[in-house]
Amino acid sequence: DDIRPMPGPGSAFVSRPAKFKGPQVEAPLVKHEEAKDIVEDDAQMERLMNTIRCIRCTQLYREDENHDEACAYHPGPTQTGLRNQNHLDRVQYLCCGAVQIGFQPILLAAEPCKVGRHVSQEEKTKQLEEKKAQRATMQNEPANSRGRTRR
């Protein structure tokens, strides 16, 4: 009862290579505009040269747009159970206890708890070098004031 007869030689169910003759259409000729050199566009080049990335909030900014309330960020470390770094992971900011849901993409962002000026990597490096220099001078002053020399 379940046995079906084999399809015959003229049947539509026999797999034969098809002779396809599709429409003969020529592709339109696409003309591309000549690419502008970025150096020639002064406004765009100036914007790129004067744009800096903030290390606190990771936003791009220009120095003339930087003010005391430009950057909203979390200053402290985070506590996370990131295993997969996906949209279901939770990130807790230890500075204020706020919880962010999602890593990439962020489903529920935590409200930043600090506001201040944007800080670039160069500014941060400069501040750290100044602090190191101050510590070095403070450590050398007590030894010199006592008359002792380091060997």
Protein backbone atom coordinates (compact mmCIF):
# COMPACT_ATOMS: atom_id res chain seq x y z
CA ASP A 1 0.00 0.00 0.00
CA ASP A 2 2.82 2.44 0.81
CA ILE A 3 4.84 1.56 -2.27
CA ARG A 4 4.68 4.21 -4.95
CA PRO A 5 5.68 3.60 -8.53
CA MET A 6 8.89 5.13 -9.86
CA PRO A 7 8.38 8.25 -11.96
CA GLY A 8 8.51 7.70 -15.69
CA PRO A 9 11.06 9.18 -18.08
CA GLY A 10 8.82 12.12 -19.06
CA SER A 11 7.70 12.89 -15.51
CA ALA A 12 8.25 16.27 -13.85
CA PHE A 13 9.72 14.55 -10.79
CA VAL A 14 12.78 13.28 -12.60
CA SER A 15 15.70 15.56 -11.90
CA ARG A 16 17.19 16.85 -15.13
CA PRO A 17 19.52 19.72 -15.60
CA ALA A 18 17.44 22.72 -16.47
CA LYS A 19 18.26 24.83 -19.48
CA PHE A 20 17.86 28.30 -18.04
CA LYS A 21 17.65 31.21 -20.38
CA GLY A 22 17.02 34.21 -18.21
CA PRO A 23 16.38 37.69 -19.42
CA GLN A 24 19.35 39.20 -21.20
CA VAL A 25 19.80 42.55 -19.46
CA GLU A 26 22.91 44.64 -19.34
CA ALA A 27 23.90 46.03 -15.99
CA PRO A 28 23.71 49.81 -15.80
CA LEU A 29 27.00 51.66 -15.83
CA VAL A 30 27.61 53.19 -12.42
CA LYS A 31 29.76 56.28 -12.26
CA HIS A 32 31.44 56.98 -8.94
CA GLU A 33 32.39 60.45 -7.90
CA GLU A 34 36.03 60.96 -7.31
CA ALA A 35 36.77 60.53 -3.62
CA LYS A 36 37.64 63.75 -1.85
CA ASP A 37 40.88 63.82 -0.01
CA ILE A 38 40.16 64.49 3.65
CA VAL A 39 43.03 66.97 3.78
CA GLU A 40 41.28 69.12 1.17
CA ASP A 41 38.14 69.46 3.32
CA ASP A 42 39.40 71.91 5.94
CA ALA A 43 36.31 71.91 8.19
CA GLN A 44 36.21 68.12 8.47
CA MET A 45 39.95 67.88 9.00
CA GLU A 46 39.86 70.50 11.75
CA ARG A 47 36.99 68.69 13.48
CA LEU A 48 38.93 65.40 13.39
CA MET A 49 42.15 66.98 14.63
CA ASN A 50 40.44 68.73 17.55
CA THR A 51 38.28 65.81 18.72
CA ILE A 52 39.40 64.01 21.88
CA ARG A 53 37.98 60.90 23.61
CA CYS A 54 37.19 61.18 27.32
CA ILE A 55 38.63 58.34 29.42
CA ARG A 56 35.83 58.64 31.98
CA CYS A 57 32.68 58.51 29.82
CA THR A 58 34.26 57.47 26.45
CA GLN A 59 32.51 60.28 24.55
CA LEU A 60 34.20 62.35 21.88
CA TYR A 61 34.51 66.05 22.69
CA ARG A 62 36.28 69.20 21.59
CA GLU A 63 38.28 71.24 24.07
CA ASP A 64 36.15 74.34 23.47
CA GLU A 65 33.01 72.32 24.40
CA ASN A 66 34.49 71.08 27.69
CA HIS A 67 32.97 72.58 30.85
CA ASP A 68 32.41 71.61 34.50
CA GLU A 69 29.23 69.60 33.79
CA ALA A 70 30.15 68.04 30.43
CA CYS A 71 31.08 64.53 31.64
CA ALA A 72 28.78 62.17 33.55
CA TYR A 73 30.56 59.04 34.81
CA HIS A 74 31.13 56.49 37.59
CA PRO A 75 34.50 57.04 39.32
CA GLY A 76 34.84 53.71 41.06
CA PRO A 77 35.45 50.10 40.10
CA THR A 78 32.74 47.65 39.09
CA GLN A 79 31.70 44.28 40.40
CA THR A 80 30.45 41.89 37.82
CA GLY A 81 29.79 38.24 37.19
CA LEU A 82 30.53 38.52 33.50
CA ARG A 83 30.84 35.11 32.03
CA ASN A 84 29.61 35.58 28.51
CA GLN A 85 29.63 39.39 28.31
CA ASN A 86 26.14 39.41 26.86
CA HIS A 87 22.94 41.39 27.27
CA LEU A 88 21.83 39.50 30.42
CA ASP A 89 24.87 40.17 32.61
CA ARG A 90 24.72 42.61 35.51
CA VAL A 91 27.39 45.20 36.29
CA GLN A 92 27.32 46.90 39.71
CA TYR A 93 29.20 50.15 40.24
CA LEU A 94 30.77 50.09 43.70
CA CYS A 95 30.93 53.90 43.94
CA CYS A 96 27.15 54.29 44.23
CA GLY A 97 25.66 50.78 44.08
CA ALA A 98 23.88 51.37 40.75
CA VAL A 99 23.27 48.29 38.60
CA GLN A 100 23.59 48.17 34.84
CA ILE A 101 21.87 45.30 33.04
CA GLY A 102 23.57 44.11 29.92
CA PHE A 103 27.11 44.39 28.69
CA GLN A 104 26.85 44.45 24.91
CA PRO A 105 24.24 45.76 24.23
CA ILE A 106 23.32 47.60 27.41
CA LEU A 107 19.64 47.02 28.18
CA LEU A 108 19.34 49.22 31.27
CA ALA A 109 22.10 51.75 31.82
CA ALA A 110 22.99 52.87 35.33
CA GLU A 111 22.57 56.59 35.97
CA PRO A 112 26.04 58.20 36.37
CA CYS A 113 26.76 59.45 39.88
CA LYS A 114 29.50 62.03 39.21
CA VAL A 115 29.62 65.04 36.92
CA GLY A 116 32.74 66.94 35.92
CA ARG A 117 34.99 67.98 33.08
CA HIS A 118 36.02 65.57 30.32
CA VAL A 119 39.54 64.18 30.83
CA SER A 120 41.75 63.01 27.96
CA GLN A 121 44.45 60.35 28.23
CA GLU A 122 47.14 63.02 27.78
CA GLU A 123 45.74 65.09 30.66
CA LYS A 124 45.60 62.01 32.92
CA THR A 125 49.19 61.06 32.05
CA LYS A 126 50.34 64.62 32.74
CA GLN A 127 48.57 64.64 36.14
CA LEU A 128 50.16 61.30 37.10
CA GLU A 129 53.64 62.51 36.14
CA GLU A 130 53.16 65.67 38.22
CA LYS A 131 52.10 63.57 41.23
CA LYS A 132 55.13 61.29 40.81
CA ALA A 133 57.42 64.32 40.67
CA GLN A 134 55.83 65.76 43.83
CA ARG A 135 56.25 62.45 45.68
CA ALA A 136 59.86 62.19 44.59
CA THR A 137 60.65 65.71 45.84
CA MET A 138 58.82 65.07 49.13
CA GLN A 139 60.76 61.84 49.70
CA ASN A 140 64.09 63.53 48.96
CA GLU A 141 63.48 66.60 51.17
CA PRO A 142 63.39 64.81 54.56
CA ALA A 143 66.58 62.87 53.77
CA ASN A 144 68.41 66.02 52.71
CA SER A 145 67.16 68.02 55.69
CA ARG A 146 68.58 65.44 58.14
CA GLY A 147 71.97 65.49 56.49
CA ARG A 148 71.77 61.85 55.44
CA THR A 149 72.58 60.69 51.96
CA ARG A 150 71.18 57.65 50.22
CA ARG A 151 73.60 55.01 49.03
